[in-house]
């Protein structure tokens, strides 16, 4: 996962971030099979969901002679409402197992 920013600055709470996109690229090896259940969650420091979790399945095709292949996962979020200052994260799970977590922060701007 790649973060183009990691801090949202605001003078008041709650704050609504009008539009953001979570873009993920996940690489699989042929030994892992073709079908994978994926989940992307945006959570606060207490583990509460900020938006409903995105769950789905992806099917990976491996070109002949290639031992790995990748999938792009794009999640557009409109009107992301953040209630508190502090740490949040975007979490990726594959097959029910946590695979990556990218933190971001909401801080006060005076």
PDB file of N, CA and C in Angstrom:
ATOM      1  N   UNK A   1       0.852  -1.167   0.000  1.00  0.00           N
ATOM      2  CA  UNK A   1       0.000   0.000   0.000  1.00  0.00           C
ATOM      3  C   UNK A   1       0.894   1.224   0.000  1.00  0.00           C
ATOM      4  N   UNK A   2       0.440   2.252  -0.662  1.00  0.00           N
ATOM      5  CA  UNK A   2       1.196   3.487  -0.788  1.00  0.00           C
ATOM      6  C   UNK A   2       0.337   4.636  -0.306  1.00  0.00           C
ATOM      7  N   UNK A   3       0.895   5.484   0.536  1.00  0.00           N
ATOM      8  CA  UNK A   3       0.163   6.654   1.002  1.00  0.00           C
ATOM      9  C   UNK A   3       0.679   7.901   0.314  1.00  0.00           C
ATOM     10  N   UNK A   4      -0.202   8.619  -0.402  1.00  0.00           N
ATOM     11  CA  UNK A   4       0.195   9.867  -1.032  1.00  0.00           C
ATOM     12  C   UNK A   4       0.178  10.995  -0.003  1.00  0.00           C
ATOM     13  N   UNK A   5      -0.559  10.804   1.067  1.00  0.00           N
ATOM     14  CA  UNK A   5      -0.556  11.716   2.207  1.00  0.00           C
ATOM     15  C   UNK A   5      -0.813  10.881   3.445  1.00  0.00           C
ATOM     16  N   UNK A   6      -0.449  11.413   4.593  1.00  0.00           N
ATOM     17  CA  UNK A   6      -0.738  10.674   5.814  1.00  0.00           C
ATOM     18  C   UNK A   6      -1.330  11.548   6.911  1.00  0.00           C
ATOM     19  N   UNK A   7      -1.612  12.821   6.594  1.00  0.00           N
ATOM     20  CA  UNK A   7      -2.177  13.716   7.596  1.00  0.00           C
ATOM     21  C   UNK A   7      -3.257  14.600   6.980  1.00  0.00           C
ATOM     22  N   UNK A   8      -4.375  14.682   7.693  1.00  0.00           N
ATOM     23  CA  UNK A   8      -5.433  15.621   7.356  1.00  0.00           C
ATOM     24  C   UNK A   8      -5.436  16.672   8.458  1.00  0.00           C
ATOM     25  N   UNK A   9      -5.285  17.926   8.059  1.00  0.00           N
ATOM     26  CA  UNK A   9      -5.259  19.040   9.006  1.00  0.00           C
ATOM     27  C   UNK A   9      -6.621  19.719   9.019  1.00  0.00           C
ATOM     28  N   UNK A  10      -7.118  20.039  10.217  1.00  0.00           N
ATOM     29  CA  UNK A  10      -8.404  20.713  10.328  1.00  0.00           C
ATOM     30  C   UNK A  10      -8.450  21.599  11.561  1.00  0.00           C
ATOM     31  N   UNK A  11      -9.278  22.636  11.487  1.00  0.00           N
ATOM     32  CA  UNK A  11      -9.457  23.540  12.630  1.00  0.00           C
ATOM     33  C   UNK A  11     -10.605  23.114  13.521  1.00  0.00           C
ATOM     34  N   UNK A  12     -11.513  22.268  13.009  1.00  0.00           N
ATOM     35  CA  UNK A  12     -12.659  21.854  13.810  1.00  0.00           C
ATOM     36  C   UNK A  12     -13.048  20.418  13.482  1.00  0.00           C
ATOM     37  N   UNK A  13     -13.754  19.833  14.424  1.00  0.00           N
ATOM     38  CA  UNK A  13     -14.238  18.464  14.275  1.00  0.00           C
ATOM     39  C   UNK A  13     -15.749  18.463  14.385  1.00  0.00           C
ATOM     40  N   UNK A  14     -16.469  17.559  13.764  1.00  0.00           N
ATOM     41  CA  UNK A  14     -15.928  16.578  12.824  1.00  0.00           C
ATOM     42  C   UNK A  14     -15.507  17.255  11.528  1.00  0.00           C
ATOM     43  N   UNK A  15     -14.680  16.559  10.764  1.00  0.00           N
ATOM     44  CA  UNK A  15     -14.241  17.055   9.473  1.00  0.00           C
ATOM     45  C   UNK A  15     -14.698  16.055   8.406  1.00  0.00           C
ATOM     46  N   UNK A  16     -15.066  16.588   7.256  1.00  0.00           N
ATOM     47  CA  UNK A  16     -15.439  15.722   6.133  1.00  0.00           C
ATOM     48  C   UNK A  16     -14.420  15.929   5.030  1.00  0.00           C
ATOM     49  N   UNK A  17     -13.719  14.855   4.709  1.00  0.00           N
ATOM     50  CA  UNK A  17     -12.778  14.874   3.585  1.00  0.00           C
ATOM     51  C   UNK A  17     -13.612  14.557   2.346  1.00  0.00           C
ATOM     52  N   UNK A  18     -13.753  15.519   1.411  1.00  0.00           N
ATOM     53  CA  UNK A  18     -14.746  15.362   0.345  1.00  0.00           C
ATOM     54  C   UNK A  18     -14.556  14.145  -0.552  1.00  0.00           C
ATOM     55  N   UNK A  19     -13.324  13.823  -0.889  1.00  0.00           N
ATOM     56  CA  UNK A  19     -13.099  12.683  -1.780  1.00  0.00           C
ATOM     57  C   UNK A  19     -11.698  12.148  -1.555  1.00  0.00           C
ATOM     58  N   UNK A  20     -11.595  10.844  -1.440  1.00  0.00           N
ATOM     59  CA  UNK A  20     -10.277  10.211  -1.393  1.00  0.00           C
ATOM     60  C   UNK A  20     -10.380   8.844  -2.060  1.00  0.00           C
ATOM     61  N   UNK A  21      -9.231   8.348  -2.451  1.00  0.00           N
ATOM     62  CA  UNK A  21      -9.173   7.062  -3.126  1.00  0.00           C
ATOM     63  C   UNK A  21      -8.099   6.209  -2.475  1.00  0.00           C
ATOM     64  N   UNK A  22      -8.450   4.980  -2.199  1.00  0.00           N
ATOM     65  CA  UNK A  22      -7.491   3.995  -1.719  1.00  0.00           C
ATOM     66  C   UNK A  22      -7.136   3.129  -2.929  1.00  0.00           C
ATOM     67  N   UNK A  23      -5.866   3.129  -3.291  1.00  0.00           N
ATOM     68  CA  UNK A  23      -5.405   2.347  -4.437  1.00  0.00           C
ATOM     69  C   UNK A  23      -4.393   1.317  -3.942  1.00  0.00           C
ATOM     70  N   UNK A  24      -4.667   0.075  -4.204  1.00  0.00           N
ATOM     71  CA  UNK A  24      -3.812  -1.031  -3.755  1.00  0.00           C
ATOM     72  C   UNK A  24      -3.403  -1.887  -4.948  1.00  0.00           C
ATOM     73  N   UNK A  25      -2.205  -2.382  -4.895  1.00  0.00           N
ATOM     74  CA  UNK A  25      -1.755  -3.378  -5.870  1.00  0.00           C
ATOM     75  C   UNK A  25      -1.247  -4.564  -5.061  1.00  0.00           C
ATOM     76  N   UNK A  26      -1.826  -5.718  -5.329  1.00  0.00           N
ATOM     77  CA  UNK A  26      -1.503  -6.922  -4.566  1.00  0.00           C
ATOM     78  C   UNK A  26      -0.936  -7.957  -5.528  1.00  0.00           C
ATOM     79  N   UNK A  27       0.205  -8.536  -5.167  1.00  0.00           N
ATOM     80  CA  UNK A  27       0.842  -9.553  -6.001  1.00  0.00           C
ATOM     81  C   UNK A  27       0.654 -10.919  -5.350  1.00  0.00           C
ATOM     82  N   UNK A  28       0.299 -11.878  -6.188  1.00  0.00           N
ATOM     83  CA  UNK A  28       0.107 -13.257  -5.747  1.00  0.00           C
ATOM     84  C   UNK A  28       1.039 -14.171  -6.538  1.00  0.00           C
ATOM     85  N   UNK A  29       1.417 -15.271  -5.898  1.00  0.00           N
ATOM     86  CA  UNK A  29       2.203 -16.302  -6.575  1.00  0.00           C
ATOM     87  C   UNK A  29       1.269 -17.443  -6.957  1.00  0.00           C
ATOM     88  N   UNK A  30       1.582 -18.101  -8.053  1.00  0.00           N
ATOM     89  CA  UNK A  30       0.707 -19.166  -8.552  1.00  0.00           C
ATOM     90  C   UNK A  30       0.475 -20.249  -7.507  1.00  0.00           C
ATOM     91  N   UNK A  31       1.429 -20.456  -6.616  1.00  0.00           N
ATOM     92  CA  UNK A  31       1.272 -21.456  -5.560  1.00  0.00           C
ATOM     93  C   UNK A  31       0.167 -21.078  -4.566  1.00  0.00           C
ATOM     94  N   UNK A  32      -0.274 -19.802  -4.601  1.00  0.00           N
ATOM     95  CA  UNK A  32      -1.336 -19.346  -3.703  1.00  0.00           C
ATOM     96  C   UNK A  32      -2.735 -19.561  -4.293  1.00  0.00           C
ATOM     97  N   UNK A  33      -2.815 -20.000  -5.527  1.00  0.00           N
ATOM     98  CA  UNK A  33      -4.104 -20.256  -6.152  1.00  0.00           C
ATOM     99  C   UNK A  33      -4.647 -19.031  -6.866  1.00  0.00           C
ATOM    100  N   UNK A  34      -5.857 -19.191  -7.400  1.00  0.00           N
ATOM    101  CA  UNK A  34      -6.449 -18.150  -8.228  1.00  0.00           C
ATOM    102  C   UNK A  34      -7.434 -17.243  -7.491  1.00  0.00           C
ATOM    103  N   UNK A  35      -8.305 -17.817  -6.670  1.00  0.00           N
ATOM    104  CA  UNK A  35      -9.369 -17.040  -6.041  1.00  0.00           C
ATOM    105  C   UNK A  35      -8.965 -16.609  -4.628  1.00  0.00           C
ATOM    106  N   UNK A  36      -9.193 -15.308  -4.339  1.00  0.00           N
ATOM    107  CA  UNK A  36      -8.802 -14.750  -3.041  1.00  0.00           C
ATOM    108  C   UNK A  36      -9.891 -13.824  -2.515  1.00  0.00           C
ATOM    109  N   UNK A  37     -10.275 -14.041  -1.268  1.00  0.00           N
ATOM    110  CA  UNK A  37     -11.221 -13.154  -0.593  1.00  0.00           C
ATOM    111  C   UNK A  37     -10.419 -11.974  -0.048  1.00  0.00           C
ATOM    112  N   UNK A  38     -10.890 -10.742  -0.313  1.00  0.00           N
ATOM    113  CA  UNK A  38     -10.191  -9.546   0.147  1.00  0.00           C
ATOM    114  C   UNK A  38     -11.153  -8.655   0.922  1.00  0.00           C
ATOM    115  N   UNK A  39     -10.587  -7.908   1.858  1.00  0.00           N
ATOM    116  CA  UNK A  39     -11.356  -6.962   2.652  1.00  0.00           C
ATOM    117  C   UNK A  39     -10.496  -5.727   2.884  1.00  0.00           C
ATOM    118  N   UNK A  40     -11.099  -4.560   2.678  1.00  0.00           N
ATOM    119  CA  UNK A  40     -10.435  -3.289   2.965  1.00  0.00           C
ATOM    120  C   UNK A  40     -11.293  -2.564   3.992  1.00  0.00           C
ATOM    121  N   UNK A  41     -10.649  -2.126   5.074  1.00  0.00           N
ATOM    122  CA  UNK A  41     -11.359  -1.436   6.156  1.00  0.00           C
ATOM    123  C   UNK A  41     -10.665  -0.116   6.449  1.00  0.00           C
ATOM    124  N   UNK A  42     -11.461   0.896   6.765  1.00  0.00           N
ATOM    125  CA  UNK A  42     -10.934   2.166   7.256  1.00  0.00           C
ATOM    126  C   UNK A  42     -11.419   2.263   8.692  1.00  0.00           C
ATOM    127  N   UNK A  43     -10.477   2.300   9.641  1.00  0.00           N
ATOM    128  CA  UNK A  43     -10.847   2.246  11.055  1.00  0.00           C
ATOM    129  C   UNK A  43     -10.169   3.360  11.847  1.00  0.00           C
ATOM    130  N   UNK A  44     -10.742   3.645  13.012  1.00  0.00           N
ATOM    131  CA  UNK A  44     -10.134   4.619  13.917  1.00  0.00           C
ATOM    132  C   UNK A  44      -9.224   3.890  14.903  1.00  0.00           C
ATOM    133  N   UNK A  45      -8.646   4.642  15.836  1.00  0.00           N
ATOM    134  CA  UNK A  45      -7.680   4.068  16.780  1.00  0.00           C
ATOM    135  C   UNK A  45      -8.304   3.007  17.683  1.00  0.00           C
ATOM    136  N   UNK A  46      -9.634   3.049  17.855  1.00  0.00           N
ATOM    137  CA  UNK A  46     -10.317   2.066  18.696  1.00  0.00           C
ATOM    138  C   UNK A  46     -10.807   0.856  17.905  1.00  0.00           C
ATOM    139  N   UNK A  47     -10.526   0.830  16.600  1.00  0.00           N
ATOM    140  CA  UNK A  47     -10.946  -0.295  15.770  1.00  0.00           C
ATOM    141  C   UNK A  47     -12.349  -0.166  15.210  1.00  0.00           C
ATOM    142  N   UNK A  48     -12.964   1.007  15.383  1.00  0.00           N
ATOM    143  CA  UNK A  48     -14.304   1.239  14.847  1.00  0.00           C
ATOM    144  C   UNK A  48     -14.228   1.544  13.357  1.00  0.00           C
ATOM    145  N   UNK A  49     -15.178   1.016  12.599  1.00  0.00           N
ATOM    146  CA  UNK A  49     -15.234   1.261  11.161  1.00  0.00           C
ATOM    147  C   UNK A  49     -15.694   2.694  10.895  1.00  0.00           C
ATOM    148  N   UNK A  50     -14.952   3.396  10.051  1.00  0.00           N
ATOM    149  CA  UNK A  50     -15.311   4.750   9.657  1.00  0.00           C
ATOM    150  C   UNK A  50     -16.244   4.710   8.450  1.00  0.00           C
ATOM    151  N   UNK A  51     -16.037   3.760   7.586  1.00  0.00           N
ATOM    152  CA  UNK A  51     -16.929   3.472   6.464  1.00  0.00           C
ATOM    153  C   UNK A  51     -17.204   1.965   6.506  1.00  0.00           C
ATOM    154  N   UNK A  52     -18.288   1.517   5.907  1.00  0.00           N
ATOM    155  CA  UNK A  52     -18.524   0.070   5.897  1.00  0.00           C
ATOM    156  C   UNK A  52     -17.357  -0.660   5.223  1.00  0.00           C
ATOM    157  N   UNK A  53     -16.965  -1.813   5.752  1.00  0.00           N
ATOM    158  CA  UNK A  53     -15.881  -2.579   5.131  1.00  0.00           C
ATOM    159  C   UNK A  53     -16.232  -2.957   3.701  1.00  0.00           C
ATOM    160  N   UNK A  54     -15.228  -2.988   2.852  1.00  0.00           N
ATOM    161  CA  UNK A  54     -15.399  -3.427   1.478  1.00  0.00           C
ATOM    162  C   UNK A  54     -14.882  -4.852   1.387  1.00  0.00           C
ATOM    163  N   UNK A  55     -15.761  -5.769   1.041  1.00  0.00           N
ATOM    164  CA  UNK A  55     -15.406  -7.183   0.944  1.00  0.00           C
ATOM    165  C   UNK A  55     -15.691  -7.677  -0.468  1.00  0.00           C
ATOM    166  N   UNK A  56     -14.831  -8.548  -0.936  1.00  0.00           N
ATOM    167  CA  UNK A  56     -15.046  -9.103  -2.264  1.00  0.00           C
ATOM    168  C   UNK A  56     -14.076 -10.225  -2.554  1.00  0.00           C
ATOM    169  N   UNK A  57     -14.178 -10.728  -3.755  1.00  0.00           N
ATOM    170  CA  UNK A  57     -13.283 -11.798  -4.198  1.00  0.00           C
ATOM    171  C   UNK A  57     -12.624 -11.363  -5.497  1.00  0.00           C
ATOM    172  N   UNK A  58     -11.381 -11.733  -5.646  1.00  0.00           N
ATOM    173  CA  UNK A  58     -10.677 -11.486  -6.898  1.00  0.00           C
ATOM    174  C   UNK A  58     -10.165 -12.817  -7.440  1.00  0.00           C
ATOM    175  N   UNK A  59     -10.124 -12.909  -8.744  1.00  0.00           N
ATOM    176  CA  UNK A  59      -9.625 -14.104  -9.408  1.00  0.00           C
ATOM    177  C   UNK A  59      -8.368 -13.719 -10.172  1.00  0.00           C
ATOM    178  N   UNK A  60      -7.280 -14.358  -9.859  1.00  0.00           N
ATOM    179  CA  UNK A  60      -5.985 -14.030 -10.457  1.00  0.00           C
ATOM    180  C   UNK A  60      -5.675 -15.015 -11.572  1.00  0.00           C
ATOM    181  N   UNK A  61      -5.323 -14.476 -12.729  1.00  0.00           N
ATOM    182  CA  UNK A  61      -4.861 -15.295 -13.850  1.00  0.00           C
ATOM    183  C   UNK A  61      -3.356 -15.133 -13.973  1.00  0.00           C
ATOM    184  N   UNK A  62      -2.671 -16.232 -14.163  1.00  0.00           N
ATOM    185  CA  UNK A  62      -1.216 -16.230 -14.272  1.00  0.00           C
ATOM    186  C   UNK A  62      -0.825 -16.469 -15.732  1.00  0.00           C
ATOM    187  N   UNK A  63      -0.242 -15.472 -16.371  1.00  0.00           N
ATOM    188  CA  UNK A  63       0.208 -15.680 -17.753  1.00  0.00           C
ATOM    189  C   UNK A  63       1.180 -16.852 -17.831  1.00  0.00           C
ATOM    190  N   UNK A  64       1.137 -17.550 -18.933  1.00  0.00           N
ATOM    191  CA  UNK A  64       2.006 -18.709 -19.110  1.00  0.00           C
ATOM    192  C   UNK A  64       3.465 -18.309 -18.901  1.00  0.00           C
ATOM    193  N   UNK A  65       4.149 -19.101 -18.092  1.00  0.00           N
ATOM    194  CA  UNK A  65       5.554 -18.857 -17.814  1.00  0.00           C
ATOM    195  C   UNK A  65       5.801 -17.861 -16.687  1.00  0.00           C
ATOM    196  N   UNK A  66       4.742 -17.282 -16.134  1.00  0.00           N
ATOM    197  CA  UNK A  66       4.893 -16.325 -15.033  1.00  0.00           C
ATOM    198  C   UNK A  66       4.485 -16.994 -13.743  1.00  0.00           C
ATOM    199  N   UNK A  67       5.315 -16.862 -12.724  1.00  0.00           N
ATOM    200  CA  UNK A  67       4.987 -17.497 -11.446  1.00  0.00           C
ATOM    201  C   UNK A  67       4.209 -16.579 -10.517  1.00  0.00           C
ATOM    202  N   UNK A  68       4.012 -15.309 -10.924  1.00  0.00           N
ATOM    203  CA  UNK A  68       3.212 -14.395 -10.107  1.00  0.00           C
ATOM    204  C   UNK A  68       2.412 -13.460 -11.003  1.00  0.00           C
ATOM    205  N   UNK A  69       1.396 -12.865 -10.410  1.00  0.00           N
ATOM    206  CA  UNK A  69       0.570 -11.889 -11.108  1.00  0.00           C
ATOM    207  C   UNK A  69      -0.013 -10.947 -10.065  1.00  0.00           C
ATOM    208  N   UNK A  70      -0.521  -9.805 -10.508  1.00  0.00           N
ATOM    209  CA  UNK A  70      -1.018  -8.821  -9.551  1.00  0.00           C
ATOM    210  C   UNK A  70      -2.442  -8.390  -9.876  1.00  0.00           C
ATOM    211  N   UNK A  71      -3.067  -7.774  -8.889  1.00  0.00           N
ATOM    212  CA  UNK A  71      -4.410  -7.218  -9.040  1.00  0.00           C
ATOM    213  C   UNK A  71      -4.414  -5.820  -8.450  1.00  0.00           C
ATOM    214  N   UNK A  72      -5.139  -4.930  -9.097  1.00  0.00           N
ATOM    215  CA  UNK A  72      -5.316  -3.572  -8.578  1.00  0.00           C
ATOM    216  C   UNK A  72      -6.685  -3.487  -7.919  1.00  0.00           C
ATOM    217  N   UNK A  73      -6.715  -2.904  -6.737  1.00  0.00           N
ATOM    218  CA  UNK A  73      -7.959  -2.701  -6.007  1.00  0.00           C
ATOM    219  C   UNK A  73      -8.114  -1.202  -5.784  1.00  0.00           C
ATOM    220  N   UNK A  74      -9.211  -0.625  -6.245  1.00  0.00           N
ATOM    221  CA  UNK A  74      -9.439   0.808  -6.142  1.00  0.00           C
ATOM    222  C   UNK A  74     -10.733   1.027  -5.359  1.00  0.00           C
ATOM    223  N   UNK A  75     -10.658   1.835  -4.320  1.00  0.00           N
ATOM    224  CA  UNK A  75     -11.818   2.147  -3.491  1.00  0.00           C
ATOM    225  C   UNK A  75     -11.957   3.661  -3.424  1.00  0.00           C
ATOM    226  N   UNK A  76     -13.037   4.192  -4.006  1.00  0.00           N
ATOM    227  CA  UNK A  76     -13.314   5.626  -3.956  1.00  0.00           C
ATOM    228  C   UNK A  76     -14.241   5.905  -2.781  1.00  0.00           C
ATOM    229  N   UNK A  77     -13.863   6.854  -1.946  1.00  0.00           N
ATOM    230  CA  UNK A  77     -14.660   7.205  -0.772  1.00  0.00           C
ATOM    231  C   UNK A  77     -15.078   8.663  -0.904  1.00  0.00           C
ATOM    232  N   UNK A  78     -16.382   8.895  -0.906  1.00  0.00           N
ATOM    233  CA  UNK A  78     -16.940  10.238  -0.985  1.00  0.00           C
ATOM    234  C   UNK A  78     -17.400  10.652   0.409  1.00  0.00           C
ATOM    235  N   UNK A  79     -17.073  11.861   0.817  1.00  0.00           N
ATOM    236  CA  UNK A  79     -17.567  12.394   2.085  1.00  0.00           C
ATOM    237  C   UNK A  79     -17.097  11.626   3.297  1.00  0.00           C
ATOM    238  N   UNK A  80     -15.809  11.351   3.379  1.00  0.00           N
ATOM    239  CA  UNK A  80     -15.242  10.614   4.518  1.00  0.00           C
ATOM    240  C   UNK A  80     -15.350  11.471   5.775  1.00  0.00           C
ATOM    241  N   UNK A  81     -16.213  11.075   6.699  1.00  0.00           N
ATOM    242  CA  UNK A  81     -16.437  11.835   7.933  1.00  0.00           C
ATOM    243  C   UNK A  81     -15.547  11.283   9.043  1.00  0.00           C
ATOM    244  N   UNK A  82     -14.737  12.165   9.595  1.00  0.00           N
ATOM    245  CA  UNK A  82     -13.826  11.812  10.686  1.00  0.00           C
ATOM    246  C   UNK A  82     -14.255  12.589  11.924  1.00  0.00           C
ATOM    247  N   UNK A  83     -14.587  11.879  12.981  1.00  0.00           N
ATOM    248  CA  UNK A  83     -15.180  12.477  14.174  1.00  0.00           C
ATOM    249  C   UNK A  83     -14.167  13.014  15.176  1.00  0.00           C
ATOM    250  N   UNK A  84     -12.954  12.455  15.179  1.00  0.00           N
ATOM    251  CA  UNK A  84     -11.990  12.791  16.226  1.00  0.00           C
ATOM    252  C   UNK A  84     -10.596  13.009  15.664  1.00  0.00           C
ATOM    253  N   UNK A  85      -9.818  13.787  16.378  1.00  0.00           N
ATOM    254  CA  UNK A  85      -8.398  13.892  16.072  1.00  0.00           C
ATOM    255  C   UNK A  85      -7.751  12.561  16.452  1.00  0.00           C
ATOM    256  N   UNK A  86      -6.644  12.227  15.801  1.00  0.00           N
ATOM    257  CA  UNK A  86      -5.934  11.017  16.176  1.00  0.00           C
ATOM    258  C   UNK A  86      -5.522  10.185  14.984  1.00  0.00           C
ATOM    259  N   UNK A  87      -5.264   8.922  15.276  1.00  0.00           N
ATOM    260  CA  UNK A  87      -4.759   7.994  14.268  1.00  0.00           C
ATOM    261  C   UNK A  87      -5.894   7.135  13.716  1.00  0.00           C
ATOM    262  N   UNK A  88      -5.838   6.930  12.414  1.00  0.00           N
ATOM    263  CA  UNK A  88      -6.760   6.062  11.693  1.00  0.00           C
ATOM    264  C   UNK A  88      -5.909   5.122  10.843  1.00  0.00           C
ATOM    265  N   UNK A  89      -6.537   4.136  10.211  1.00  0.00           N
ATOM    266  CA  UNK A  89      -5.760   3.294   9.306  1.00  0.00           C
ATOM    267  C   UNK A  89      -6.639   2.687   8.233  1.00  0.00           C
ATOM    268  N   UNK A  90      -5.992   2.344   7.139  1.00  0.00           N
ATOM    269  CA  UNK A  90      -6.595   1.569   6.056  1.00  0.00           C
ATOM    270  C   UNK A  90      -5.968   0.189   6.163  1.00  0.00           C
ATOM    271  N   UNK A  91      -6.810  -0.826   6.371  1.00  0.00           N
ATOM    272  CA  UNK A  91      -6.324  -2.186   6.608  1.00  0.00           C
ATOM    273  C   UNK A  91      -6.758  -3.114   5.478  1.00  0.00           C
ATOM    274  N   UNK A  92      -5.829  -3.940   5.038  1.00  0.00           N
ATOM    275  CA  UNK A  92      -6.080  -4.930   3.994  1.00  0.00           C
ATOM    276  C   UNK A  92      -5.971  -6.327   4.583  1.00  0.00           C
ATOM    277  N   UNK A  93      -7.009  -7.145   4.346  1.00  0.00           N
ATOM    278  CA  UNK A  93      -6.973  -8.556   4.729  1.00  0.00           C
ATOM    279  C   UNK A  93      -7.205  -9.393   3.479  1.00  0.00           C
ATOM    280  N   UNK A  94      -6.487 -10.498   3.381  1.00  0.00           N
ATOM    281  CA  UNK A  94      -6.650 -11.438   2.276  1.00  0.00           C
ATOM    282  C   UNK A  94      -6.857 -12.819   2.886  1.00  0.00           C
ATOM    283  N   UNK A  95      -7.932 -13.469   2.483  1.00  0.00           N
ATOM    284  CA  UNK A  95      -8.236 -14.780   3.049  1.00  0.00           C
ATOM    285  C   UNK A  95      -8.441 -14.728   4.550  1.00  0.00           C
ATOM    286  N   UNK A  96      -8.940 -13.610   5.054  1.00  0.00           N
ATOM    287  CA  UNK A  96      -9.198 -13.457   6.486  1.00  0.00           C
ATOM    288  C   UNK A  96      -7.985 -13.091   7.313  1.00  0.00           C
ATOM    289  N   UNK A  97      -6.808 -13.030   6.702  1.00  0.00           N
ATOM    290  CA  UNK A  97      -5.578 -12.700   7.430  1.00  0.00           C
ATOM    291  C   UNK A  97      -5.137 -11.274   7.113  1.00  0.00           C
ATOM    292  N   UNK A  98      -4.766 -10.543   8.125  1.00  0.00           N
ATOM    293  CA  UNK A  98      -4.271  -9.182   7.932  1.00  0.00           C
ATOM    294  C   UNK A  98      -2.980  -9.213   7.129  1.00  0.00           C
ATOM    295  N   UNK A  99      -2.918  -8.402   6.059  1.00  0.00           N
ATOM    296  CA  UNK A  99      -1.739  -8.386   5.187  1.00  0.00           C
ATOM    297  C   UNK A  99      -1.016  -7.057   5.177  1.00  0.00           C
ATOM    298  N   UNK A 100      -1.742  -5.949   5.416  1.00  0.00           N
ATOM    299  CA  UNK A 100      -1.102  -4.634   5.403  1.00  0.00           C
ATOM    300  C   UNK A 100      -1.987  -3.641   6.137  1.00  0.00           C
ATOM    301  N   UNK A 101      -1.339  -2.632   6.706  1.00  0.00           N
ATOM    302  CA  UNK A 101      -2.056  -1.561   7.379  1.00  0.00           C
ATOM    303  C   UNK A 101      -1.293  -0.270   7.139  1.00  0.00           C
ATOM    304  N   UNK A 102      -2.011   0.760   6.714  1.00  0.00           N
ATOM    305  CA  UNK A 102      -1.385   2.041   6.432  1.00  0.00           C
ATOM    306  C   UNK A 102      -2.040   3.104   7.315  1.00  0.00           C
ATOM    307  N   UNK A 103      -1.278   3.677   8.260  1.00  0.00           N
ATOM    308  CA  UNK A 103      -1.879   4.679   9.153  1.00  0.00           C
ATOM    309  C   UNK A 103      -1.986   6.037   8.476  1.00  0.00           C
ATOM    310  N   UNK A 104      -2.975   6.814   8.931  1.00  0.00           N
ATOM    311  CA  UNK A 104      -3.049   8.237   8.605  1.00  0.00           C
ATOM    312  C   UNK A 104      -3.569   8.966   9.834  1.00  0.00           C
ATOM    313  N   UNK A 105      -3.376  10.271   9.868  1.00  0.00           N
ATOM    314  CA  UNK A 105      -3.618  11.043  11.078  1.00  0.00           C
ATOM    315  C   UNK A 105      -4.520  12.235  10.797  1.00  0.00           C
ATOM    316  N   UNK A 106      -5.321  12.587  11.776  1.00  0.00           N
ATOM    317  CA  UNK A 106      -6.101  13.817  11.733  1.00  0.00           C
ATOM    318  C   UNK A 106      -5.572  14.683  12.874  1.00  0.00           C
ATOM    319  N   UNK A 107      -5.070  15.868  12.489  1.00  0.00           N
ATOM    320  CA  UNK A 107      -4.437  16.753  13.477  1.00  0.00           C
ATOM    321  C   UNK A 107      -5.077  18.135  13.430  1.00  0.00           C
ATOM    322  N   UNK A 108      -4.937  18.834  14.552  1.00  0.00           N
ATOM    323  CA  UNK A 108      -5.499  20.163  14.654  1.00  0.00           C
ATOM    324  C   UNK A 108      -4.582  21.199  14.000  1.00  0.00           C
ATOM    325  N   UNK A 109      -5.220  22.112  13.286  1.00  0.00           N
ATOM    326  CA  UNK A 109      -4.508  23.237  12.681  1.00  0.00           C
ATOM    327  C   UNK A 109      -5.014  24.488  13.365  1.00  0.00           C
ATOM    328  N   UNK A 110      -4.095  25.204  13.947  1.00  0.00           N
ATOM    329  CA  UNK A 110      -4.501  26.394  14.709  1.00  0.00           C
ATOM    330  C   UNK A 110      -4.412  27.641  13.904  1.00  0.00           C
TER     331      UNK A 110
END
